């Protein structure tokens, strides 16, 4: 009687395919090191009160409304009002509600950047 050898599948092609896929994924992967360049531990607001000066500009932004110097205004009117200000070094205080969509904040920041207002401060809760 002859002895039978057990039939085993040849896995060499399978190993080749796995290595080719591994090399493909390693080469095509983009590592996002730019976003995490610095591991920062940001400080909290510890100052109990802030000094309000007369030349500061207050902009308040809620989910549906915008206020400039204590009066409600539209985004287009805000751009016109800010264009009238000559001193670009005046501090601008932004009070933004935490529920405001990000695109509304970006619109305001874009207006400030176009008009070259760079002295910005964001108000936080204590």
C-alpha atoms as a PDB file:
ATOM      1  CA  UNK A   1       0.000   0.000   0.000  1.00  0.00           C
ATOM      2  CA  UNK A   2       1.180   3.422  -0.893  1.00  0.00           C
ATOM      3  CA  UNK A   3       1.279   6.160   1.563  1.00  0.00           C
ATOM      4  CA  UNK A   4      -0.452   9.377   0.578  1.00  0.00           C
ATOM      5  CA  UNK A   5       1.130  12.732   1.182  1.00  0.00           C
ATOM      6  CA  UNK A   6      -1.195  15.324   2.659  1.00  0.00           C
ATOM      7  CA  UNK A   7      -2.229  17.985   0.192  1.00  0.00           C
ATOM      8  CA  UNK A   8      -1.268  21.480   1.354  1.00  0.00           C
ATOM      9  CA  UNK A   9      -1.968  24.581  -0.624  1.00  0.00           C
ATOM     10  CA  UNK A  10       0.980  26.581  -1.850  1.00  0.00           C
ATOM     11  CA  UNK A  11       0.902  29.908   0.030  1.00  0.00           C
ATOM     12  CA  UNK A  12       3.861  31.492  -1.727  1.00  0.00           C
ATOM     13  CA  UNK A  13       1.653  33.562  -4.095  1.00  0.00           C
ATOM     14  CA  UNK A  14      -0.447  34.680  -1.131  1.00  0.00           C
ATOM     15  CA  UNK A  15       2.635  35.905   0.740  1.00  0.00           C
ATOM     16  CA  UNK A  16       3.804  37.748  -2.375  1.00  0.00           C
ATOM     17  CA  UNK A  17       0.474  39.535  -2.715  1.00  0.00           C
ATOM     18  CA  UNK A  18       0.471  40.508   0.968  1.00  0.00           C
ATOM     19  CA  UNK A  19       3.961  42.001   0.714  1.00  0.00           C
ATOM     20  CA  UNK A  20       3.031  43.931  -2.427  1.00  0.00           C
ATOM     21  CA  UNK A  21      -0.056  45.360  -0.680  1.00  0.00           C
ATOM     22  CA  UNK A  22       1.999  46.246   2.372  1.00  0.00           C
ATOM     23  CA  UNK A  23       4.547  48.117   0.276  1.00  0.00           C
ATOM     24  CA  UNK A  24       1.760  49.908  -1.620  1.00  0.00           C
ATOM     25  CA  UNK A  25       0.085  51.148   1.571  1.00  0.00           C
ATOM     26  CA  UNK A  26       3.350  52.237   3.157  1.00  0.00           C
ATOM     27  CA  UNK A  27       4.346  54.246   0.079  1.00  0.00           C
ATOM     28  CA  UNK A  28       0.927  55.832  -0.488  1.00  0.00           C
ATOM     29  CA  UNK A  29       0.243  56.826   3.132  1.00  0.00           C
ATOM     30  CA  UNK A  30       0.467  60.526   3.990  1.00  0.00           C
ATOM     31  CA  UNK A  31       1.668  61.266   7.493  1.00  0.00           C
ATOM     32  CA  UNK A  32       0.208  64.401   9.067  1.00  0.00           C
ATOM     33  CA  UNK A  33       3.130  65.666  11.083  1.00  0.00           C
ATOM     34  CA  UNK A  34       2.396  69.327  10.325  1.00  0.00           C
ATOM     35  CA  UNK A  35      -0.759  69.383  12.443  1.00  0.00           C
ATOM     36  CA  UNK A  36       1.005  68.100  15.536  1.00  0.00           C
ATOM     37  CA  UNK A  37       4.296  69.939  15.203  1.00  0.00           C
ATOM     38  CA  UNK A  38       4.120  71.278  18.763  1.00  0.00           C
ATOM     39  CA  UNK A  39       2.509  69.648  21.731  1.00  0.00           C
ATOM     40  CA  UNK A  40       1.230  72.712  23.543  1.00  0.00           C
ATOM     41  CA  UNK A  41      -0.231  72.972  26.996  1.00  0.00           C
ATOM     42  CA  UNK A  42      -2.360  76.074  26.600  1.00  0.00           C
ATOM     43  CA  UNK A  43      -2.949  78.286  29.642  1.00  0.00           C
ATOM     44  CA  UNK A  44      -6.354  78.937  31.135  1.00  0.00           C
ATOM     45  CA  UNK A  45      -7.744  82.363  31.826  1.00  0.00           C
ATOM     46  CA  UNK A  46      -6.628  83.227  35.366  1.00  0.00           C
ATOM     47  CA  UNK A  47      -7.126  86.979  35.311  1.00  0.00           C
ATOM     48  CA  UNK A  48     -10.203  87.950  37.299  1.00  0.00           C
ATOM     49  CA  UNK A  49     -10.934  91.179  35.475  1.00  0.00           C
ATOM     50  CA  UNK A  50      -9.793  92.831  32.291  1.00  0.00           C
ATOM     51  CA  UNK A  51      -9.211  96.505  31.803  1.00  0.00           C
ATOM     52  CA  UNK A  52     -11.567  98.031  29.293  1.00  0.00           C
ATOM     53  CA  UNK A  53     -10.095 100.956  27.433  1.00  0.00           C
ATOM     54  CA  UNK A  54     -12.042 103.498  25.444  1.00  0.00           C
ATOM     55  CA  UNK A  55     -10.285 102.734  22.158  1.00  0.00           C
ATOM     56  CA  UNK A  56     -11.103  99.019  22.184  1.00  0.00           C
ATOM     57  CA  UNK A  57     -13.553  97.703  19.626  1.00  0.00           C
ATOM     58  CA  UNK A  58     -16.048  95.084  20.819  1.00  0.00           C
ATOM     59  CA  UNK A  59     -17.550  92.585  18.379  1.00  0.00           C
ATOM     60  CA  UNK A  60     -20.072  90.097  19.744  1.00  0.00           C
ATOM     61  CA  UNK A  61     -21.131  87.078  17.726  1.00  0.00           C
ATOM     62  CA  UNK A  62     -23.999  84.752  18.566  1.00  0.00           C
ATOM     63  CA  UNK A  63     -25.580  81.968  16.559  1.00  0.00           C
ATOM     64  CA  UNK A  64     -27.908  84.289  14.637  1.00  0.00           C
ATOM     65  CA  UNK A  65     -26.819  87.854  15.447  1.00  0.00           C
ATOM     66  CA  UNK A  66     -23.809  90.144  15.326  1.00  0.00           C
ATOM     67  CA  UNK A  67     -23.171  93.202  17.479  1.00  0.00           C
ATOM     68  CA  UNK A  68     -20.588  95.955  16.988  1.00  0.00           C
ATOM     69  CA  UNK A  69     -19.915  98.372  19.862  1.00  0.00           C
ATOM     70  CA  UNK A  70     -23.116  97.328  21.615  1.00  0.00           C
ATOM     71  CA  UNK A  71     -25.546  97.603  18.698  1.00  0.00           C
ATOM     72  CA  UNK A  72     -26.831  94.873  16.397  1.00  0.00           C
ATOM     73  CA  UNK A  73     -25.435  95.009  12.880  1.00  0.00           C
ATOM     74  CA  UNK A  74     -25.148  92.876   9.733  1.00  0.00           C
ATOM     75  CA  UNK A  75     -21.931  91.369   8.408  1.00  0.00           C
ATOM     76  CA  UNK A  76     -21.872  93.775   5.450  1.00  0.00           C
ATOM     77  CA  UNK A  77     -22.376  96.761   7.758  1.00  0.00           C
ATOM     78  CA  UNK A  78     -19.593  95.503  10.004  1.00  0.00           C
ATOM     79  CA  UNK A  79     -17.174  95.579   7.091  1.00  0.00           C
ATOM     80  CA  UNK A  80     -18.188  99.178   6.290  1.00  0.00           C
ATOM     81  CA  UNK A  81     -17.887 100.270   9.932  1.00  0.00           C
ATOM     82  CA  UNK A  82     -14.458  98.691  10.329  1.00  0.00           C
ATOM     83  CA  UNK A  83     -13.260 100.270   7.082  1.00  0.00           C
ATOM     84  CA  UNK A  84     -13.914 103.708   8.598  1.00  0.00           C
ATOM     85  CA  UNK A  85     -11.458 103.111  11.448  1.00  0.00           C
ATOM     86  CA  UNK A  86      -8.078 104.684  10.701  1.00  0.00           C
ATOM     87  CA  UNK A  87      -6.007 103.266  13.577  1.00  0.00           C
ATOM     88  CA  UNK A  88      -5.391  99.629  12.664  1.00  0.00           C
ATOM     89  CA  UNK A  89      -3.556  98.965  15.946  1.00  0.00           C
ATOM     90  CA  UNK A  90      -6.673  99.375  18.087  1.00  0.00           C
ATOM     91  CA  UNK A  91      -7.434  96.246  20.082  1.00  0.00           C
ATOM     92  CA  UNK A  92     -10.447  94.298  18.853  1.00  0.00           C
ATOM     93  CA  UNK A  93     -12.218  92.221  21.477  1.00  0.00           C
ATOM     94  CA  UNK A  94     -14.183  89.264  20.077  1.00  0.00           C
ATOM     95  CA  UNK A  95     -16.873  87.732  22.248  1.00  0.00           C
ATOM     96  CA  UNK A  96     -18.062  84.576  20.511  1.00  0.00           C
ATOM     97  CA  UNK A  97     -20.763  82.251  21.799  1.00  0.00           C
ATOM     98  CA  UNK A  98     -19.660  78.616  22.018  1.00  0.00           C
ATOM     99  CA  UNK A  99     -22.584  77.483  19.829  1.00  0.00           C
ATOM    100  CA  UNK A 100     -21.640  79.675  16.855  1.00  0.00           C
ATOM    101  CA  UNK A 101     -20.878  77.659  13.698  1.00  0.00           C
ATOM    102  CA  UNK A 102     -17.270  77.820  12.609  1.00  0.00           C
ATOM    103  CA  UNK A 103     -18.043  79.352   9.195  1.00  0.00           C
ATOM    104  CA  UNK A 104     -19.560  82.462  10.842  1.00  0.00           C
ATOM    105  CA  UNK A 105     -16.394  82.947  12.883  1.00  0.00           C
ATOM    106  CA  UNK A 106     -14.266  82.564   9.764  1.00  0.00           C
ATOM    107  CA  UNK A 107     -16.292  85.246   7.965  1.00  0.00           C
ATOM    108  CA  UNK A 108     -15.589  87.738  10.745  1.00  0.00           C
ATOM    109  CA  UNK A 109     -11.902  86.814  10.913  1.00  0.00           C
ATOM    110  CA  UNK A 110     -11.620  87.147   7.116  1.00  0.00           C
ATOM    111  CA  UNK A 111     -13.093  90.656   7.268  1.00  0.00           C
ATOM    112  CA  UNK A 112     -10.619  91.620   9.982  1.00  0.00           C
ATOM    113  CA  UNK A 113      -7.715  90.195   8.000  1.00  0.00           C
ATOM    114  CA  UNK A 114      -8.702  91.949   4.767  1.00  0.00           C
ATOM    115  CA  UNK A 115      -8.930  95.256   6.623  1.00  0.00           C
ATOM    116  CA  UNK A 116      -5.571  94.523   8.321  1.00  0.00           C
ATOM    117  CA  UNK A 117      -6.766  94.413  11.922  1.00  0.00           C
ATOM    118  CA  UNK A 118      -4.337  92.077  13.665  1.00  0.00           C
ATOM    119  CA  UNK A 119      -4.646  93.141  17.327  1.00  0.00           C
ATOM    120  CA  UNK A 120      -7.312  90.586  18.305  1.00  0.00           C
ATOM    121  CA  UNK A 121      -8.347  89.176  21.658  1.00  0.00           C
ATOM    122  CA  UNK A 122     -10.856  86.397  22.279  1.00  0.00           C
ATOM    123  CA  UNK A 123     -12.823  86.628  25.503  1.00  0.00           C
ATOM    124  CA  UNK A 124     -13.183  83.448  27.530  1.00  0.00           C
ATOM    125  CA  UNK A 125     -15.008  82.527  30.680  1.00  0.00           C
ATOM    126  CA  UNK A 126     -13.056  82.450  33.891  1.00  0.00           C
END
